[in-house]
Amino acid sequence: MSEDLSSGADAGVPGRAGLLIIRVWIEEGSSDSLRANVRIASDVSVGFDRELTLTEPGAVCTTVAEWLDAFTAQPEQGS
């Protein structure tokens, strides 16, 4: 299930917020033509703390799943 957050970037988001951006492209002539640049911010108030470039769809999915697991495992600040 997804929630429409189009009314504002942080509308209705209590506490901390993270951000994960995936930019993908095809690199012609390469045996592993997929490129996925992943930028991760575990806390948007601090900024990006990690950036990787991956070449396999499974690695991208694993990175997203691991980030979500880590993000949801962190307690709220002040808790």
C-alpha atoms as a PDB file:
ATOM      1  CA  MET A   1       0.000   0.000   0.000  1.00  0.00           C
ATOM      2  CA  SER A   2       1.286   3.470  -0.785  1.00  0.00           C
ATOM      3  CA  GLU A   3       0.347   6.882   0.520  1.00  0.00           C
ATOM      4  CA  ASP A   4       0.005   9.996  -1.633  1.00  0.00           C
ATOM      5  CA  LEU A   5       2.430  12.565  -0.231  1.00  0.00           C
ATOM      6  CA  SER A   6       2.007  15.049  -3.077  1.00  0.00           C
ATOM      7  CA  SER A   7       0.680  17.747  -0.747  1.00  0.00           C
ATOM      8  CA  GLY A   8       4.169  18.391   0.656  1.00  0.00           C
ATOM      9  CA  ALA A   9       7.588  16.793   0.957  1.00  0.00           C
ATOM     10  CA  ASP A  10       7.295  16.106   4.677  1.00  0.00           C
ATOM     11  CA  ALA A  11       3.551  16.616   5.167  1.00  0.00           C
ATOM     12  CA  GLY A  12       2.314  14.302   7.887  1.00  0.00           C
ATOM     13  CA  VAL A  13       5.768  12.828   8.560  1.00  0.00           C
ATOM     14  CA  PRO A  14       6.387  12.920  12.296  1.00  0.00           C
ATOM     15  CA  GLY A  15       9.881  12.488  13.710  1.00  0.00           C
ATOM     16  CA  ARG A  16      12.813  11.602  11.509  1.00  0.00           C
ATOM     17  CA  ALA A  17      12.823  10.990   7.776  1.00  0.00           C
ATOM     18  CA  GLY A  18      15.219   9.111   5.521  1.00  0.00           C
ATOM     19  CA  LEU A  19      15.790   9.325   1.802  1.00  0.00           C
ATOM     20  CA  LEU A  20      16.972   6.832  -0.801  1.00  0.00           C
ATOM     21  CA  ILE A  21      17.354   7.918  -4.431  1.00  0.00           C
ATOM     22  CA  ILE A  22      17.995   5.471  -7.265  1.00  0.00           C
ATOM     23  CA  ARG A  23      19.113   6.753 -10.673  1.00  0.00           C
ATOM     24  CA  VAL A  24      19.478   4.089 -13.378  1.00  0.00           C
ATOM     25  CA  TRP A  25      20.886   4.086 -16.901  1.00  0.00           C
ATOM     26  CA  ILE A  26      22.217   1.714 -19.536  1.00  0.00           C
ATOM     27  CA  GLU A  27      25.921   1.914 -20.336  1.00  0.00           C
ATOM     28  CA  GLU A  28      26.235   0.865 -23.961  1.00  0.00           C
ATOM     29  CA  GLY A  29      29.065  -1.485 -24.877  1.00  0.00           C
ATOM     30  CA  SER A  30      29.537  -2.864 -21.369  1.00  0.00           C
ATOM     31  CA  SER A  31      28.961  -6.530 -20.536  1.00  0.00           C
ATOM     32  CA  ASP A  32      27.098  -5.360 -17.411  1.00  0.00           C
ATOM     33  CA  SER A  33      25.195  -2.524 -19.048  1.00  0.00           C
ATOM     34  CA  LEU A  34      22.920  -1.637 -16.127  1.00  0.00           C
ATOM     35  CA  ARG A  35      24.132   1.126 -13.837  1.00  0.00           C
ATOM     36  CA  ALA A  36      22.256   2.165 -10.720  1.00  0.00           C
ATOM     37  CA  ASN A  37      23.516   5.039  -8.603  1.00  0.00           C
ATOM     38  CA  VAL A  38      22.039   4.808  -5.105  1.00  0.00           C
ATOM     39  CA  ARG A  39      22.252   7.771  -2.719  1.00  0.00           C
ATOM     40  CA  ILE A  40      21.240   7.130   0.885  1.00  0.00           C
ATOM     41  CA  ALA A  41      20.382   9.486   3.729  1.00  0.00           C
ATOM     42  CA  SER A  42      19.493   7.721   6.952  1.00  0.00           C
ATOM     43  CA  ASP A  43      18.515  11.112   8.373  1.00  0.00           C
ATOM     44  CA  VAL A  44      17.614  13.891   5.919  1.00  0.00           C
ATOM     45  CA  SER A  45      18.544  16.559   8.458  1.00  0.00           C
ATOM     46  CA  VAL A  46      22.171  15.370   8.178  1.00  0.00           C
ATOM     47  CA  GLY A  47      22.323  14.757   4.414  1.00  0.00           C
ATOM     48  CA  PHE A  48      23.532  11.831   2.338  1.00  0.00           C
ATOM     49  CA  ASP A  49      25.780   9.424   4.192  1.00  0.00           C
ATOM     50  CA  ARG A  50      26.352   6.817   1.493  1.00  0.00           C
ATOM     51  CA  GLU A  51      26.522   6.565  -2.297  1.00  0.00           C
ATOM     52  CA  LEU A  52      27.058   3.472  -4.424  1.00  0.00           C
ATOM     53  CA  THR A  53      26.966   2.463  -8.066  1.00  0.00           C
ATOM     54  CA  LEU A  54      25.649  -1.037  -8.709  1.00  0.00           C
ATOM     55  CA  THR A  55      25.385  -3.160 -11.866  1.00  0.00           C
ATOM     56  CA  GLU A  56      22.934  -5.911 -10.890  1.00  0.00           C
ATOM     57  CA  PRO A  57      19.188  -5.542 -10.231  1.00  0.00           C
ATOM     58  CA  GLY A  58      19.411  -7.961  -7.294  1.00  0.00           C
ATOM     59  CA  ALA A  59      22.087  -5.829  -5.635  1.00  0.00           C
ATOM     60  CA  VAL A  60      19.872  -2.761  -5.967  1.00  0.00           C
ATOM     61  CA  CYS A  61      16.929  -4.607  -4.391  1.00  0.00           C
ATOM     62  CA  THR A  62      19.140  -5.928  -1.574  1.00  0.00           C
ATOM     63  CA  THR A  63      20.482  -2.427  -0.884  1.00  0.00           C
ATOM     64  CA  VAL A  64      16.948  -1.005  -0.672  1.00  0.00           C
ATOM     65  CA  ALA A  65      15.737  -3.838   1.593  1.00  0.00           C
ATOM     66  CA  GLU A  66      18.749  -3.510   3.912  1.00  0.00           C
ATOM     67  CA  TRP A  67      18.292   0.266   4.145  1.00  0.00           C
ATOM     68  CA  LEU A  68      14.586  -0.091   4.955  1.00  0.00           C
ATOM     69  CA  ASP A  69      15.331  -2.732   7.597  1.00  0.00           C
ATOM     70  CA  ALA A  70      17.993  -0.536   9.214  1.00  0.00           C
ATOM     71  CA  PHE A  71      15.828   2.582   9.032  1.00  0.00           C
ATOM     72  CA  THR A  72      12.793   0.924  10.627  1.00  0.00           C
ATOM     73  CA  ALA A  73      14.951  -0.716  13.319  1.00  0.00           C
ATOM     74  CA  GLN A  74      16.241   2.666  14.565  1.00  0.00           C
ATOM     75  CA  PRO A  75      14.249   4.085  17.481  1.00  0.00           C
ATOM     76  CA  GLU A  76      12.671   7.518  17.135  1.00  0.00           C
ATOM     77  CA  GLN A  77      14.883  10.313  18.469  1.00  0.00           C
ATOM     78  CA  GLY A  78      13.867  11.212  21.992  1.00  0.00           C
ATOM     79  CA  SER A  79      12.380   7.736  22.597  1.00  0.00           C
END
